[in-house]
Protein backbone atom coordinates (compact mmCIF):
# COMPACT_ATOMS: atom_id res chain seq x y z
CA UNK A 1 0.00 0.00 0.00
CA UNK A 2 1.48 3.34 -1.03
CA UNK A 3 1.99 6.28 1.31
CA UNK A 4 -0.85 8.37 -0.14
CA UNK A 5 -3.36 5.58 0.29
CA UNK A 6 -2.23 4.78 3.85
CA UNK A 7 -2.70 8.44 4.80
CA UNK A 8 -6.13 8.48 3.15
CA UNK A 9 -7.25 5.37 5.04
CA UNK A 10 -6.00 6.75 8.37
CA UNK A 11 -8.07 9.88 7.81
CA UNK A 12 -11.08 7.81 6.84
CA UNK A 13 -10.79 5.70 9.99
CA UNK A 14 -10.72 8.82 12.15
CA UNK A 15 -13.76 10.13 10.31
CA UNK A 16 -15.73 6.94 10.69
CA UNK A 17 -17.42 4.82 8.03
CA UNK A 18 -21.02 5.76 8.74
CA UNK A 19 -21.34 7.62 5.45
CA UNK A 20 -21.25 4.54 3.25
CA UNK A 21 -24.20 2.25 2.62
CA UNK A 22 -23.69 -1.50 2.54
CA UNK A 23 -24.19 -1.57 -1.23
CA UNK A 24 -20.69 -0.14 -1.64
CA UNK A 25 -19.74 -3.75 -1.06
CA UNK A 26 -16.28 -4.20 0.44
CA UNK A 27 -15.03 -3.52 3.99
CA UNK A 28 -12.39 -1.17 2.56
CA UNK A 29 -15.19 1.26 1.73
CA UNK A 30 -15.93 1.64 5.40
CA UNK A 31 -12.44 3.17 5.54
CA UNK A 32 -13.61 5.48 3.29
CA UNK A 33 -9.87 21.72 1.73
CA UNK A 34 -11.19 24.06 0.53
CA UNK A 35 -12.80 24.30 -2.92
CA UNK A 36 -11.24 26.70 -5.40
CA UNK A 37 -13.42 28.87 -7.62
CA UNK A 38 -12.62 26.86 -10.75
CA UNK A 39 -14.10 23.40 -11.28
CA UNK A 40 -11.76 20.60 -10.23
CA UNK A 41 -12.22 17.91 -12.88
CA UNK A 42 -10.30 17.83 -16.11
CA UNK A 43 -7.80 14.98 -16.35
CA UNK A 44 -10.17 12.03 -16.59
CA UNK A 45 -9.19 9.99 -19.62
CA UNK A 46 -11.67 8.28 -21.91
CA UNK A 47 -11.35 4.54 -21.48
CA UNK A 48 -12.12 1.75 -23.89
CA UNK A 49 -15.24 -0.03 -22.67
CA UNK A 50 -16.16 -3.60 -23.49
CA UNK A 51 -19.44 -4.06 -25.34
CA UNK A 52 -21.07 -5.54 -22.24
CA UNK A 53 -19.95 -2.68 -19.98
CA UNK A 54 -20.97 -0.07 -22.54
CA UNK A 55 -24.41 -1.66 -22.86
CA UNK A 56 -24.86 -1.88 -19.09
CA UNK A 57 -23.83 1.75 -18.55
CA UNK A 58 -26.00 2.93 -21.44
CA UNK A 59 -28.98 1.21 -19.86
CA UNK A 60 -28.08 2.67 -16.47
CA UNK A 61 -28.19 6.27 -17.70
CA UNK A 62 -31.54 5.96 -19.46
CA UNK A 63 -34.17 8.22 -17.90
CA UNK A 64 -36.99 6.48 -16.07
CA UNK A 65 -39.33 9.21 -14.97
CA UNK A 66 -39.01 12.04 -12.44
CA UNK A 67 -36.82 11.62 -9.33
CA UNK A 68 -39.55 10.77 -6.84
CA UNK A 69 -38.08 9.11 -3.70
CA UNK A 70 -39.62 5.76 -2.82
CA UNK A 71 -40.60 5.97 0.86
CA UNK A 72 -42.57 2.92 1.93
CA UNK A 73 -42.87 3.47 5.68
CA UNK A 74 -43.51 6.32 8.07
CA UNK A 75 -39.99 5.89 9.40
CA UNK A 76 -38.52 6.27 5.91
CA UNK A 77 -40.62 9.40 5.36
CA UNK A 78 -39.47 10.82 8.68
CA UNK A 79 -35.82 10.10 7.92
CA UNK A 80 -36.13 11.60 4.46
CA UNK A 81 -37.72 14.79 5.82
CA UNK A 82 -35.06 15.14 8.51
CA UNK A 83 -32.30 14.60 5.96
CA UNK A 84 -33.69 17.15 3.51
CA UNK A 85 -34.19 19.75 6.25
CA UNK A 86 -30.63 19.43 7.54
CA UNK A 87 -29.06 19.14 4.10
CA UNK A 88 -31.06 22.11 2.83
CA UNK A 89 -29.83 24.25 5.69
CA UNK A 90 -26.22 23.46 4.86
CA UNK A 91 -26.80 23.78 1.13
CA UNK A 92 -28.22 27.29 1.54
CA UNK A 93 -24.72 28.78 1.47
CA UNK A 94 -24.49 27.70 -2.18
CA UNK A 95 -28.15 27.64 -3.29
CA UNK A 96 -30.19 30.55 -2.05
CA UNK A 97 -33.68 29.61 -3.26
CA UNK A 98 -35.51 26.92 -1.22
CA UNK A 99 -37.22 25.48 -4.30
CA UNK A 100 -33.86 24.98 -6.01
CA UNK A 101 -32.50 23.21 -2.94
CA UNK A 102 -35.58 21.00 -2.66
CA UNK A 103 -35.44 19.92 -6.31
CA UNK A 104 -31.70 19.28 -6.10
CA UNK A 105 -31.85 17.24 -2.89
CA UNK A 106 -34.79 15.14 -4.08
CA UNK A 107 -32.79 14.33 -7.20
CA UNK A 108 -29.59 13.56 -5.29
CA UNK A 109 -31.52 11.21 -2.99
CA UNK A 110 -33.10 9.43 -5.95
CA UNK A 111 -29.97 9.08 -8.07
CA UNK A 112 -27.57 8.20 -5.24
CA UNK A 113 -29.96 5.53 -3.94
CA UNK A 114 -30.50 4.23 -7.47
CA UNK A 115 -26.75 3.81 -7.94
CA UNK A 116 -26.22 2.35 -4.45
CA UNK A 117 -24.07 5.27 -3.32
CA UNK A 118 -23.81 7.11 -0.03
CA UNK A 119 -25.67 10.42 0.01
CA UNK A 120 -22.83 12.13 1.85
CA UNK A 121 -20.28 10.76 -0.61
CA UNK A 122 -22.19 12.17 -3.58
CA UNK A 123 -22.71 15.53 -1.86
CA UNK A 124 -19.07 15.69 -0.79
CA UNK A 125 -17.93 14.96 -4.33
CA UNK A 126 -20.25 17.64 -5.75
CA UNK A 127 -18.99 20.19 -3.22
CA UNK A 128 -15.40 19.53 -4.28
CA UNK A 129 -16.09 19.24 -8.00
CA UNK A 130 -18.34 22.24 -8.62
CA UNK A 131 -19.35 23.89 -5.32
CA UNK A 132 -22.93 23.05 -6.34
CA UNK A 133 -22.80 25.12 -9.52
CA UNK A 134 -25.14 23.60 -12.08
CA UNK A 135 -23.38 25.22 -15.04
CA UNK A 136 -19.78 24.75 -13.89
CA UNK A 137 -17.32 23.98 -16.68
CA UNK A 138 -13.72 22.94 -16.05
CA UNK A 139 -10.77 23.97 -18.21
CA UNK A 140 -10.98 20.54 -19.87
CA UNK A 141 -14.71 20.87 -20.53
CA UNK A 142 -16.11 18.74 -17.67
CA UNK A 143 -19.63 19.91 -16.96
CA UNK A 144 -22.21 20.39 -14.27
CA UNK A 145 -22.55 19.45 -10.63
CA UNK A 146 -20.49 16.26 -10.85
CA UNK A 147 -18.17 17.53 -13.60
CA UNK A 148 -18.96 14.85 -16.16
CA UNK A 149 -16.70 14.84 -19.20
CA UNK A 150 -18.64 15.22 -22.49
CA UNK A 151 -17.13 12.05 -23.96
CA UNK A 152 -19.41 10.06 -21.67
CA UNK A 153 -22.45 11.27 -23.60
CA UNK A 154 -20.92 9.84 -26.77
CA UNK A 155 -19.72 6.67 -25.09
CA UNK A 156 -22.86 5.66 -23.18
CA UNK A 157 -25.45 8.26 -24.18
CA UNK A 158 -26.90 9.73 -27.35
CA UNK A 159 -24.05 12.18 -27.88
CA UNK A 160 -26.01 15.25 -26.78
CA UNK A 161 -23.59 17.10 -24.49
CA UNK A 162 -26.17 19.70 -23.49
CA UNK A 163 -27.96 17.15 -21.29
CA UNK A 164 -25.11 17.49 -18.82
CA UNK A 165 -26.65 20.78 -17.70
CA UNK A 166 -29.98 19.09 -16.88
CA UNK A 167 -30.07 18.36 -13.15
CA UNK A 168 -31.33 14.80 -13.15
CA UNK A 169 -29.38 13.74 -16.24
CA UNK A 170 -26.17 15.26 -14.89
CA UNK A 171 -26.55 13.50 -11.54
CA UNK A 172 -27.58 10.27 -13.27
CA UNK A 173 -24.40 10.25 -15.36
CA UNK A 174 -22.21 11.23 -12.41
CA UNK A 175 -23.58 8.58 -10.08
CA UNK A 176 -23.49 5.84 -12.72
CA UNK A 177 -19.89 6.73 -13.61
CA UNK A 178 -18.80 6.80 -9.95
CA UNK A 179 -20.43 3.40 -9.40
CA UNK A 180 -18.59 2.13 -12.48
CA UNK A 181 -15.30 3.45 -11.10
CA UNK A 182 -15.93 1.67 -7.79
CA UNK A 183 -16.58 -1.58 -9.60
CA UNK A 184 -13.47 -1.11 -11.75
CA UNK A 185 -11.45 -0.66 -8.55
CA UNK A 186 -13.17 -3.58 -6.79
CA UNK A 187 -14.74 -1.30 -4.18
CA UNK A 188 -11.58 0.64 -3.32
CA UNK A 189 -12.81 4.20 -2.77
CA UNK A 190 -9.35 5.79 -2.81
CA UNK A 191 -8.58 4.56 -6.30
CA UNK A 192 -12.16 4.94 -7.54
CA UNK A 193 -12.22 8.62 -6.62
CA UNK A 194 -8.82 9.11 -8.21
CA UNK A 195 -10.01 7.43 -11.39
CA UNK A 196 -13.15 9.57 -11.38
CA UNK A 197 -11.01 12.70 -11.15
CA UNK A 198 -8.26 11.50 -13.48
CA UNK A 199 -5.65 11.47 -10.73
CA UNK A 200 -5.60 7.80 -9.73
CA UNK A 201 -3.07 7.03 -7.00
CA UNK A 202 -2.69 10.64 -5.86
CA UNK A 203 -4.11 11.64 -2.51
CA UNK A 204 -5.20 15.27 -2.91
CA UNK A 205 -8.54 14.63 -4.57
CA UNK A 206 -9.70 11.64 -2.46
CA UNK A 207 -8.72 13.51 0.71
CA UNK A 208 -10.67 16.58 -0.39
CA UNK A 209 -13.79 14.54 -1.11
CA UNK A 210 -13.43 12.72 2.22
CA UNK A 211 -13.14 16.01 4.11
CA UNK A 212 -16.23 17.40 2.37
CA UNK A 213 -18.12 14.13 2.81
CA UNK A 214 -17.71 14.25 6.59
CA UNK A 215 -19.69 17.48 6.74
CA UNK A 216 -22.69 15.82 5.07
CA UNK A 217 -22.81 12.71 7.24
CA UNK A 218 -26.20 11.97 8.79
CA UNK A 219 -27.70 8.79 10.30
CA UNK A 220 -29.95 8.25 7.27
CA UNK A 221 -26.87 8.07 5.07
């Protein structure tokens, strides 16, 4: 294990693993800085995908109706309401209008749950990548909240890059891609985050996401 990854895991242990749902699979995921004004992403390289992976990812990004959370019990409804209230309060420093925050958080809940990702992980990544700016564009052309590179729309979508400025589509692509990175790295969050950012093996980006993720941790996560 290299020095960067050991440092990352030590920080994750001190921060606790509560922010990761069991669907992130491996025990290593339980060991799961300030944002600059420019978007972070930009070095992620386009990878050759097998036909089976391309088909699976293409199916995963297909739209399937509005992002309406599935809440089957009163407890789930209570937890969802508590989460949205707390998250909205924190989010208000970036998004001023309550309706914008409500729409965004409903969509994050839906897409993160759909992809089997931790809510706090997704929110931490968005904070680092774009500071919750819907129309953020990096120097390399990565777009939106989760700074998705346009080549993904050609690789697993219909090639329409403009969809990356649509809230649900942007979050759908970002969450599906992050899940793909986790599977590529066999559940290793350190390397998956690095691959997502295009800096695999370097500690700065994973550590930044981890630090941001801690601030979004809640029991419902």
